Amino acid sequence: MKVHAALKTTVLALALSTLAVVGFSTQAQCQFSVNLFVTGTNDAIRLGLAQDWCMHVEPVGTQFSASDIDFISVRLISNGTGSVSQIPCRTDKTIIISDANSNGVQDAELCFTKANLAQLFSNFRGKKPKTVTLLLTGNLITGGAFSGTLTIQVYP
């Protein structure tokens, strides 16, 4: 009986220590900020046009580089504006890493399909543009995550 109780105690202690390690390591991941900006004709989201809409994501400081982004994890989020609240960026085309705003910091150009954007903003009606603040989130292949916001006009 004493052996059985000791075995139960050992298993319980092992389970609790495993949960503690997993829980603390997950919570300890770093959250980094990014600058989001658009260039050229991407100054607004025009749902009536056929082409993708693209934005640039640029690390703040030197904590990580644009090439550290796990592009599969990237999500564009806009709650309450459509039939879905988040969409992925395109990963089936080459993602360009450059210095689009010429400030000496490499950024990644992320594009979103018109079909996904139409779902994200499916609640918008009429012809007048709507101002929205978008949240972009994602993970880094080096560990941690990033997020940033961008306020932009959406033309239904």
N, C-alpha and C. Protein backbone atom coordinates (compact mmCIF):
# COMPACT_ATOMS: atom_id res chain seq x y z
N MET A 1 0.81 -1.18 0.00
CA MET A 1 0.00 0.00 0.00
C MET A 1 0.86 1.26 0.00
N LYS A 2 1.96 1.25 0.78
CA LYS A 2 2.85 2.40 0.84
C LYS A 2 3.52 2.62 -0.50
N VAL A 3 3.87 1.54 -1.20
CA VAL A 3 4.51 1.65 -2.51
C VAL A 3 3.54 2.29 -3.51
N HIS A 4 2.28 1.88 -3.45
CA HIS A 4 1.26 2.41 -4.35
C HIS A 4 1.07 3.92 -4.11
N ALA A 5 1.01 4.35 -2.86
CA ALA A 5 0.85 5.76 -2.52
C ALA A 5 2.07 6.55 -2.97
N ALA A 6 3.26 6.00 -2.78
CA ALA A 6 4.48 6.68 -3.20
C ALA A 6 4.53 6.83 -4.72
N LEU A 7 4.10 5.79 -5.43
CA LEU A 7 4.07 5.84 -6.88
C LEU A 7 3.08 6.90 -7.37
N LYS A 8 1.91 6.98 -6.75
CA LYS A 8 0.92 8.00 -7.10
C LYS A 8 1.49 9.40 -6.87
N THR A 9 2.16 9.58 -5.75
CA THR A 9 2.74 10.88 -5.42
C THR A 9 3.82 11.26 -6.43
N THR A 10 4.64 10.31 -6.82
CA THR A 10 5.70 10.56 -7.79
C THR A 10 5.12 10.93 -9.15
N VAL A 11 4.12 10.20 -9.59
CA VAL A 11 3.48 10.48 -10.88
C VAL A 11 2.83 11.86 -10.85
N LEU A 12 2.15 12.19 -9.76
CA LEU A 12 1.51 13.49 -9.63
C LEU A 12 2.54 14.61 -9.64
N ALA A 13 3.63 14.43 -8.92
CA ALA A 13 4.68 15.45 -8.88
C ALA A 13 5.30 15.64 -10.26
N LEU A 14 5.52 14.55 -10.98
CA LEU A 14 6.09 14.63 -12.33
C LEU A 14 5.12 15.36 -13.27
N ALA A 15 3.85 15.04 -13.17
CA ALA A 15 2.84 15.69 -14.03
C ALA A 15 2.77 17.19 -13.74
N LEU A 16 2.76 17.57 -12.47
CA LEU A 16 2.70 18.98 -12.11
C LEU A 16 3.94 19.74 -12.55
N SER A 17 5.11 19.13 -12.39
CA SER A 17 6.34 19.81 -12.81
C SER A 17 6.39 19.96 -14.32
N THR A 18 5.88 18.98 -15.06
CA THR A 18 5.83 19.08 -16.53
C THR A 18 4.89 20.20 -16.95
N LEU A 19 3.72 20.28 -16.32
CA LEU A 19 2.79 21.35 -16.63
C LEU A 19 3.38 22.72 -16.30
N ALA A 20 4.08 22.81 -15.19
CA ALA A 20 4.68 24.08 -14.80
C ALA A 20 5.73 24.51 -15.81
N VAL A 21 6.57 23.58 -16.24
CA VAL A 21 7.62 23.91 -17.21
C VAL A 21 7.00 24.32 -18.55
N VAL A 22 6.03 23.56 -19.03
CA VAL A 22 5.37 23.87 -20.30
C VAL A 22 4.64 25.20 -20.18
N GLY A 23 3.90 25.40 -19.11
CA GLY A 23 3.15 26.63 -18.91
C GLY A 23 4.05 27.85 -18.84
N PHE A 24 5.11 27.79 -18.08
CA PHE A 24 6.00 28.93 -17.94
C PHE A 24 6.77 29.21 -19.21
N SER A 25 7.18 28.17 -19.94
CA SER A 25 7.94 28.42 -21.16
C SER A 25 7.05 29.03 -22.23
N THR A 26 5.76 28.66 -22.27
CA THR A 26 4.84 29.24 -23.23
C THR A 26 4.60 30.71 -22.90
N GLN A 27 4.39 31.01 -21.63
CA GLN A 27 4.13 32.38 -21.23
C GLN A 27 5.36 33.26 -21.35
N ALA A 28 6.54 32.68 -21.32
CA ALA A 28 7.76 33.46 -21.33
C ALA A 28 8.18 33.91 -22.72
N GLN A 29 7.47 33.46 -23.77
CA GLN A 29 7.83 33.88 -25.11
C GLN A 29 7.68 35.39 -25.23
N CYS A 30 8.57 36.00 -25.99
CA CYS A 30 8.58 37.45 -26.16
C CYS A 30 7.53 37.90 -27.15
N GLN A 31 6.95 39.04 -26.88
CA GLN A 31 6.02 39.69 -27.79
C GLN A 31 6.70 40.94 -28.33
N PHE A 32 6.90 40.99 -29.63
CA PHE A 32 7.60 42.11 -30.26
C PHE A 32 6.61 43.00 -31.00
N SER A 33 6.96 44.28 -31.09
CA SER A 33 6.15 45.24 -31.84
C SER A 33 6.70 45.38 -33.25
N VAL A 34 5.81 45.70 -34.17
CA VAL A 34 6.21 45.95 -35.55
C VAL A 34 5.53 47.22 -36.05
N ASN A 35 6.17 47.86 -37.02
CA ASN A 35 5.56 48.96 -37.75
C ASN A 35 4.89 48.38 -38.98
N LEU A 36 3.68 48.83 -39.25
CA LEU A 36 2.97 48.41 -40.45
C LEU A 36 2.77 49.64 -41.32
N PHE A 37 2.99 49.49 -42.62
CA PHE A 37 2.78 50.59 -43.54
C PHE A 37 2.45 50.06 -44.92
N VAL A 38 1.90 50.95 -45.75
CA VAL A 38 1.55 50.59 -47.12
C VAL A 38 2.28 51.53 -48.07
N THR A 39 2.40 51.08 -49.31
CA THR A 39 3.03 51.90 -50.34
C THR A 39 2.17 51.88 -51.60
N GLY A 40 2.35 52.89 -52.42
CA GLY A 40 1.70 52.94 -53.74
C GLY A 40 0.19 52.85 -53.68
N THR A 41 -0.37 52.01 -54.52
CA THR A 41 -1.83 51.89 -54.64
C THR A 41 -2.46 51.12 -53.48
N ASN A 42 -1.68 50.67 -52.55
CA ASN A 42 -2.20 49.96 -51.38
C ASN A 42 -2.59 50.91 -50.25
N ASP A 43 -2.75 52.20 -50.58
CA ASP A 43 -3.09 53.20 -49.57
C ASP A 43 -4.50 53.02 -49.00
N ALA A 44 -5.29 52.18 -49.63
CA ALA A 44 -6.62 51.81 -49.15
C ALA A 44 -6.92 50.41 -49.66
N ILE A 45 -7.89 49.76 -49.01
CA ILE A 45 -8.34 48.44 -49.48
C ILE A 45 -9.57 48.68 -50.34
N ARG A 46 -9.46 48.34 -51.61
CA ARG A 46 -10.54 48.54 -52.56
C ARG A 46 -11.08 47.17 -52.98
N LEU A 47 -12.19 46.79 -52.35
CA LEU A 47 -12.74 45.45 -52.57
C LEU A 47 -13.25 45.25 -53.99
N GLY A 48 -13.55 46.33 -54.71
CA GLY A 48 -14.05 46.22 -56.07
C GLY A 48 -12.97 45.94 -57.10
N LEU A 49 -11.72 46.07 -56.72
CA LEU A 49 -10.62 45.79 -57.65
C LEU A 49 -10.17 44.35 -57.50
N ALA A 50 -9.61 43.81 -58.56
CA ALA A 50 -9.28 42.38 -58.59
C ALA A 50 -7.98 42.01 -57.88
N GLN A 51 -7.03 42.93 -57.81
CA GLN A 51 -5.70 42.54 -57.31
C GLN A 51 -5.67 42.39 -55.78
N ASP A 52 -4.67 41.66 -55.32
CA ASP A 52 -4.43 41.49 -53.89
C ASP A 52 -4.11 42.85 -53.26
N TRP A 53 -4.28 42.92 -51.94
CA TRP A 53 -3.87 44.11 -51.19
C TRP A 53 -2.65 43.72 -50.36
N CYS A 54 -1.64 44.59 -50.35
CA CYS A 54 -0.39 44.27 -49.66
C CYS A 54 -0.04 45.35 -48.64
N MET A 55 0.65 44.93 -47.60
CA MET A 55 1.16 45.84 -46.58
C MET A 55 2.59 45.40 -46.23
N HIS A 56 3.31 46.27 -45.57
CA HIS A 56 4.68 45.96 -45.16
C HIS A 56 4.72 45.84 -43.64
N VAL A 57 5.49 44.86 -43.16
CA VAL A 57 5.70 44.68 -41.73
C VAL A 57 7.19 44.84 -41.48
N GLU A 58 7.49 45.72 -40.51
CA GLU A 58 8.88 46.09 -40.24
C GLU A 58 9.16 45.96 -38.74
N PRO A 59 10.16 45.21 -38.35
CA PRO A 59 10.49 45.08 -36.92
C PRO A 59 10.84 46.43 -36.31
N VAL A 60 10.46 46.61 -35.05
CA VAL A 60 10.87 47.78 -34.29
C VAL A 60 12.14 47.42 -33.54
N GLY A 61 13.20 48.19 -33.72
CA GLY A 61 14.46 47.90 -33.07
C GLY A 61 15.19 46.76 -33.75
N THR A 62 16.05 46.11 -33.00
CA THR A 62 16.90 45.05 -33.57
C THR A 62 16.64 43.69 -32.93
N GLN A 63 15.44 43.49 -32.37
CA GLN A 63 15.13 42.25 -31.68
C GLN A 63 15.01 41.06 -32.63
N PHE A 64 14.58 41.31 -33.87
CA PHE A 64 14.48 40.27 -34.88
C PHE A 64 14.52 40.92 -36.25
N SER A 65 14.64 40.12 -37.29
CA SER A 65 14.64 40.66 -38.65
C SER A 65 13.41 40.16 -39.40
N ALA A 66 13.08 40.82 -40.49
CA ALA A 66 11.90 40.45 -41.28
C ALA A 66 11.97 39.01 -41.76
N SER A 67 13.17 38.52 -42.01
CA SER A 67 13.31 37.14 -42.48
C SER A 67 13.06 36.11 -41.38
N ASP A 68 12.90 36.54 -40.12
CA ASP A 68 12.59 35.64 -39.01
C ASP A 68 11.09 35.35 -38.89
N ILE A 69 10.27 36.01 -39.69
CA ILE A 69 8.82 35.84 -39.58
C ILE A 69 8.41 34.47 -40.12
N ASP A 70 7.57 33.78 -39.35
CA ASP A 70 6.96 32.53 -39.78
C ASP A 70 5.69 32.93 -40.55
N PHE A 71 5.81 33.08 -41.86
CA PHE A 71 4.74 33.64 -42.67
C PHE A 71 3.45 32.83 -42.64
N ILE A 72 3.56 31.54 -42.40
CA ILE A 72 2.36 30.69 -42.32
C ILE A 72 1.50 31.09 -41.11
N SER A 73 2.11 31.64 -40.07
CA SER A 73 1.37 32.00 -38.85
C SER A 73 0.74 33.38 -38.90
N VAL A 74 1.04 34.17 -39.90
CA VAL A 74 0.58 35.56 -39.95
C VAL A 74 -0.94 35.62 -40.16
N ARG A 75 -1.60 36.48 -39.36
CA ARG A 75 -3.04 36.69 -39.47
C ARG A 75 -3.35 38.19 -39.45
N LEU A 76 -4.24 38.60 -40.35
CA LEU A 76 -4.78 39.95 -40.37
C LEU A 76 -6.14 39.87 -39.69
N ILE A 77 -6.36 40.68 -38.65
CA ILE A 77 -7.54 40.56 -37.81
C ILE A 77 -8.35 41.85 -37.83
N SER A 78 -9.65 41.69 -38.01
CA SER A 78 -10.60 42.80 -37.95
C SER A 78 -11.90 42.24 -37.39
N ASN A 79 -12.14 42.45 -36.12
CA ASN A 79 -13.32 41.88 -35.45
C ASN A 79 -14.59 42.67 -35.79
N GLY A 80 -15.67 41.94 -36.10
CA GLY A 80 -16.97 42.54 -36.30
C GLY A 80 -17.20 43.18 -37.66
N THR A 81 -16.29 42.99 -38.60
CA THR A 81 -16.45 43.64 -39.91
C THR A 81 -16.88 42.67 -41.01
N GLY A 82 -16.91 41.38 -40.72
CA GLY A 82 -17.25 40.43 -41.77
C GLY A 82 -17.62 39.06 -41.25
N SER A 83 -17.75 38.13 -42.19
CA SER A 83 -18.14 36.77 -41.84
C SER A 83 -17.00 36.00 -41.17
N VAL A 84 -15.77 36.49 -41.30
CA VAL A 84 -14.62 35.95 -40.58
C VAL A 84 -13.92 37.11 -39.87
N SER A 85 -13.20 36.82 -38.82
CA SER A 85 -12.52 37.88 -38.08
C SER A 85 -11.03 37.94 -38.38
N GLN A 86 -10.50 36.92 -39.08
CA GLN A 86 -9.08 36.93 -39.40
C GLN A 86 -8.82 36.14 -40.68
N ILE A 87 -7.75 36.56 -41.37
CA ILE A 87 -7.37 35.89 -42.62
C ILE A 87 -5.85 35.73 -42.65
N PRO A 88 -5.36 34.72 -43.38
CA PRO A 88 -3.91 34.52 -43.52
C PRO A 88 -3.35 35.38 -44.65
N CYS A 89 -2.07 35.61 -44.61
CA CYS A 89 -1.41 36.26 -45.76
C CYS A 89 -1.13 35.19 -46.81
N ARG A 90 -0.87 35.64 -48.02
CA ARG A 90 -0.54 34.70 -49.09
C ARG A 90 0.85 34.14 -48.86
N THR A 91 0.96 32.84 -48.94
CA THR A 91 2.28 32.21 -48.83
C THR A 91 2.59 31.40 -50.07
N ASP A 92 1.70 31.45 -51.07
CA ASP A 92 1.93 30.70 -52.30
C ASP A 92 2.69 31.52 -53.34
N LYS A 93 3.02 32.77 -53.01
CA LYS A 93 3.82 33.63 -53.87
C LYS A 93 5.04 34.07 -53.06
N THR A 94 6.07 34.48 -53.74
CA THR A 94 7.29 34.94 -53.07
C THR A 94 6.99 36.16 -52.21
N ILE A 95 7.43 36.12 -50.97
CA ILE A 95 7.30 37.27 -50.07
C ILE A 95 8.58 38.07 -50.18
N ILE A 96 8.43 39.33 -50.54
CA ILE A 96 9.58 40.19 -50.80
C ILE A 96 10.06 40.83 -49.50
N ILE A 97 11.35 40.69 -49.23
CA ILE A 97 11.97 41.36 -48.10
C ILE A 97 12.87 42.43 -48.68
N SER A 98 12.62 43.69 -48.29
CA SER A 98 13.37 44.83 -48.81
C SER A 98 13.31 45.96 -47.79
N ASP A 99 13.71 47.12 -48.19
CA ASP A 99 13.59 48.31 -47.38
C ASP A 99 12.70 49.30 -48.13
N ALA A 100 11.40 49.00 -48.16
CA ALA A 100 10.45 49.73 -49.00
C ALA A 100 10.33 51.21 -48.63
N ASN A 101 10.55 51.56 -47.38
CA ASN A 101 10.43 52.96 -46.99
C ASN A 101 11.79 53.64 -46.81
N SER A 102 12.86 52.97 -47.22
CA SER A 102 14.22 53.52 -47.23
C SER A 102 14.67 54.10 -45.88
N ASN A 103 14.33 53.40 -44.79
CA ASN A 103 14.75 53.87 -43.48
C ASN A 103 15.89 53.04 -42.88
N GLY A 104 16.44 52.11 -43.68
CA GLY A 104 17.56 51.30 -43.22
C GLY A 104 17.15 50.03 -42.50
N VAL A 105 15.84 49.74 -42.41
CA VAL A 105 15.35 48.54 -41.73
C VAL A 105 14.63 47.68 -42.77
N GLN A 106 15.00 46.41 -42.86
CA GLN A 106 14.35 45.49 -43.79
C GLN A 106 12.92 45.21 -43.34
N ASP A 107 12.00 45.17 -44.31
CA ASP A 107 10.61 44.85 -44.04
C ASP A 107 10.17 43.74 -44.98
N ALA A 108 9.05 43.13 -44.66
CA ALA A 108 8.48 42.07 -45.50
C ALA A 108 7.15 42.57 -46.05
N GLU A 109 6.95 42.38 -47.36
CA GLU A 109 5.69 42.74 -47.98
C GLU A 109 4.76 41.54 -47.90
N LEU A 110 3.63 41.71 -47.20
CA LEU A 110 2.65 40.64 -47.02
C LEU A 110 1.41 41.00 -47.82
N CYS A 111 0.92 40.05 -48.60
CA CYS A 111 -0.26 40.28 -49.43
C CYS A 111 -1.41 39.39 -48.97
N PHE A 112 -2.63 39.88 -49.23
CA PHE A 112 -3.85 39.19 -48.84
C PHE A 112 -4.76 39.12 -50.06
N THR A 113 -5.36 37.95 -50.27
CA THR A 113 -6.19 37.76 -51.46
C THR A 113 -7.48 38.57 -51.35
N LYS A 114 -7.97 38.96 -52.51
CA LYS A 114 -9.23 39.72 -52.56
C LYS A 114 -10.38 38.88 -51.99
N ALA A 115 -10.39 37.58 -52.26
CA ALA A 115 -11.46 36.70 -51.74
C ALA A 115 -11.46 36.70 -50.21
N ASN A 116 -10.30 36.61 -49.60
CA ASN A 116 -10.23 36.62 -48.13
C ASN A 116 -10.60 37.99 -47.58
N LEU A 117 -10.14 39.06 -48.23
CA LEU A 117 -10.49 40.41 -47.78
C LEU A 117 -12.00 40.64 -47.87
N ALA A 118 -12.64 40.11 -48.93
CA ALA A 118 -14.09 40.25 -49.09
C ALA A 118 -14.82 39.60 -47.91
N GLN A 119 -14.32 38.47 -47.41
CA GLN A 119 -14.93 37.82 -46.24
C GLN A 119 -14.68 38.64 -44.98
N LEU A 120 -13.46 39.18 -44.84
CA LEU A 120 -13.10 39.96 -43.66
C LEU A 120 -13.96 41.21 -43.53
N PHE A 121 -14.38 41.78 -44.67
CA PHE A 121 -15.16 43.01 -44.67
C PHE A 121 -16.55 42.82 -45.29
N SER A 122 -17.11 41.64 -45.20
CA SER A 122 -18.40 41.34 -45.84
C SER A 122 -19.57 42.09 -45.22
N ASN A 123 -19.43 42.67 -44.04
CA ASN A 123 -20.51 43.44 -43.41
C ASN A 123 -20.60 44.87 -43.96
N PHE A 124 -19.62 45.30 -44.75
CA PHE A 124 -19.61 46.66 -45.27
C PHE A 124 -20.51 46.76 -46.49
N ARG A 125 -21.35 47.78 -46.52
CA ARG A 125 -22.27 48.02 -47.63
C ARG A 125 -22.10 49.47 -48.10
N GLY A 126 -22.63 49.75 -49.29
CA GLY A 126 -22.60 51.11 -49.81
C GLY A 126 -21.32 51.40 -50.55
N LYS A 127 -21.12 52.69 -50.84
CA LYS A 127 -19.95 53.10 -51.61
C LYS A 127 -18.95 53.91 -50.79
N LYS A 128 -19.38 54.41 -49.63
CA LYS A 128 -18.51 55.25 -48.82
C LYS A 128 -17.45 54.38 -48.13
N PRO A 129 -16.22 54.89 -48.07
CA PRO A 129 -15.17 54.12 -47.38
C PRO A 129 -15.42 54.07 -45.88
N LYS A 130 -14.98 53.00 -45.28
CA LYS A 130 -15.05 52.81 -43.84
C LYS A 130 -13.62 52.81 -43.30
N THR A 131 -13.39 53.49 -42.20
CA THR A 131 -12.08 53.50 -41.57
C THR A 131 -12.01 52.35 -40.57
N VAL A 132 -10.99 51.50 -40.71
CA VAL A 132 -10.81 50.37 -39.80
C VAL A 132 -9.39 50.34 -39.28
N THR A 133 -9.25 49.82 -38.08
CA THR A 133 -7.93 49.57 -37.53
C THR A 133 -7.72 48.06 -37.54
N LEU A 134 -6.72 47.64 -38.29
CA LEU A 134 -6.41 46.22 -38.46
C LEU A 134 -5.31 45.82 -37.49
N LEU A 135 -5.36 44.60 -37.02
CA LEU A 135 -4.31 44.02 -36.18
C LEU A 135 -3.63 42.94 -36.99
N LEU A 136 -2.32 42.98 -37.04
CA LEU A 136 -1.54 41.93 -37.69
C LEU A 136 -0.75 41.21 -36.62
N THR A 137 -0.87 39.87 -36.59
CA THR A 137 -0.13 39.07 -35.62
C THR A 137 0.61 37.95 -36.34
N GLY A 138 1.60 37.41 -35.67
CA GLY A 138 2.33 36.28 -36.22
C GLY A 138 3.40 35.80 -35.27
N ASN A 139 4.00 34.69 -35.62
CA ASN A 139 5.08 34.11 -34.83
C ASN A 139 6.40 34.28 -35.57
N LEU A 140 7.47 34.12 -34.82
CA LEU A 140 8.82 34.17 -35.38
C LEU A 140 9.41 32.76 -35.37
N ILE A 141 10.17 32.44 -36.39
CA ILE A 141 10.80 31.12 -36.44
C ILE A 141 11.87 30.99 -35.35
N THR A 142 12.32 32.13 -34.82
CA THR A 142 13.33 32.14 -33.76
C THR A 142 12.71 32.11 -32.37
N GLY A 143 11.37 32.08 -32.30
CA GLY A 143 10.66 32.09 -31.03
C GLY A 143 10.05 33.45 -30.76
N GLY A 144 8.95 33.45 -30.07
CA GLY A 144 8.25 34.69 -29.77
C GLY A 144 7.21 35.00 -30.83
N ALA A 145 6.57 36.13 -30.66
CA ALA A 145 5.51 36.56 -31.56
C ALA A 145 5.59 38.06 -31.76
N PHE A 146 4.84 38.56 -32.75
CA PHE A 146 4.83 39.99 -33.01
C PHE A 146 3.40 40.43 -33.29
N SER A 147 3.17 41.73 -33.15
CA SER A 147 1.88 42.30 -33.52
C SER A 147 2.05 43.79 -33.78
N GLY A 148 1.11 44.30 -34.57
CA GLY A 148 1.07 45.72 -34.86
C GLY A 148 -0.28 46.09 -35.43
N THR A 149 -0.59 47.37 -35.45
CA THR A 149 -1.86 47.82 -35.98
C THR A 149 -1.66 48.82 -37.12
N LEU A 150 -2.67 48.88 -37.97
CA LEU A 150 -2.68 49.81 -39.11
C LEU A 150 -4.11 50.29 -39.29
N THR A 151 -4.30 51.61 -39.36
CA THR A 151 -5.60 52.19 -39.64
C THR A 151 -5.65 52.54 -41.11
N ILE A 152 -6.72 52.10 -41.79
CA ILE A 152 -6.81 52.25 -43.24
C ILE A 152 -8.27 52.38 -43.67
N GLN A 153 -8.48 52.93 -44.85
CA GLN A 153 -9.81 53.04 -45.45
C GLN A 153 -10.12 51.76 -46.24
N VAL A 154 -11.36 51.27 -46.09
CA VAL A 154 -11.83 50.13 -46.86
C VAL A 154 -12.99 50.61 -47.72
N TYR A 155 -12.85 50.42 -49.03
CA TYR A 155 -13.92 50.75 -49.97
C TYR A 155 -14.67 49.48 -50.33
N PRO A 156 -15.98 49.40 -49.93
CA PRO A 156 -16.77 48.18 -50.23
C PRO A 156 -16.91 47.92 -51.72
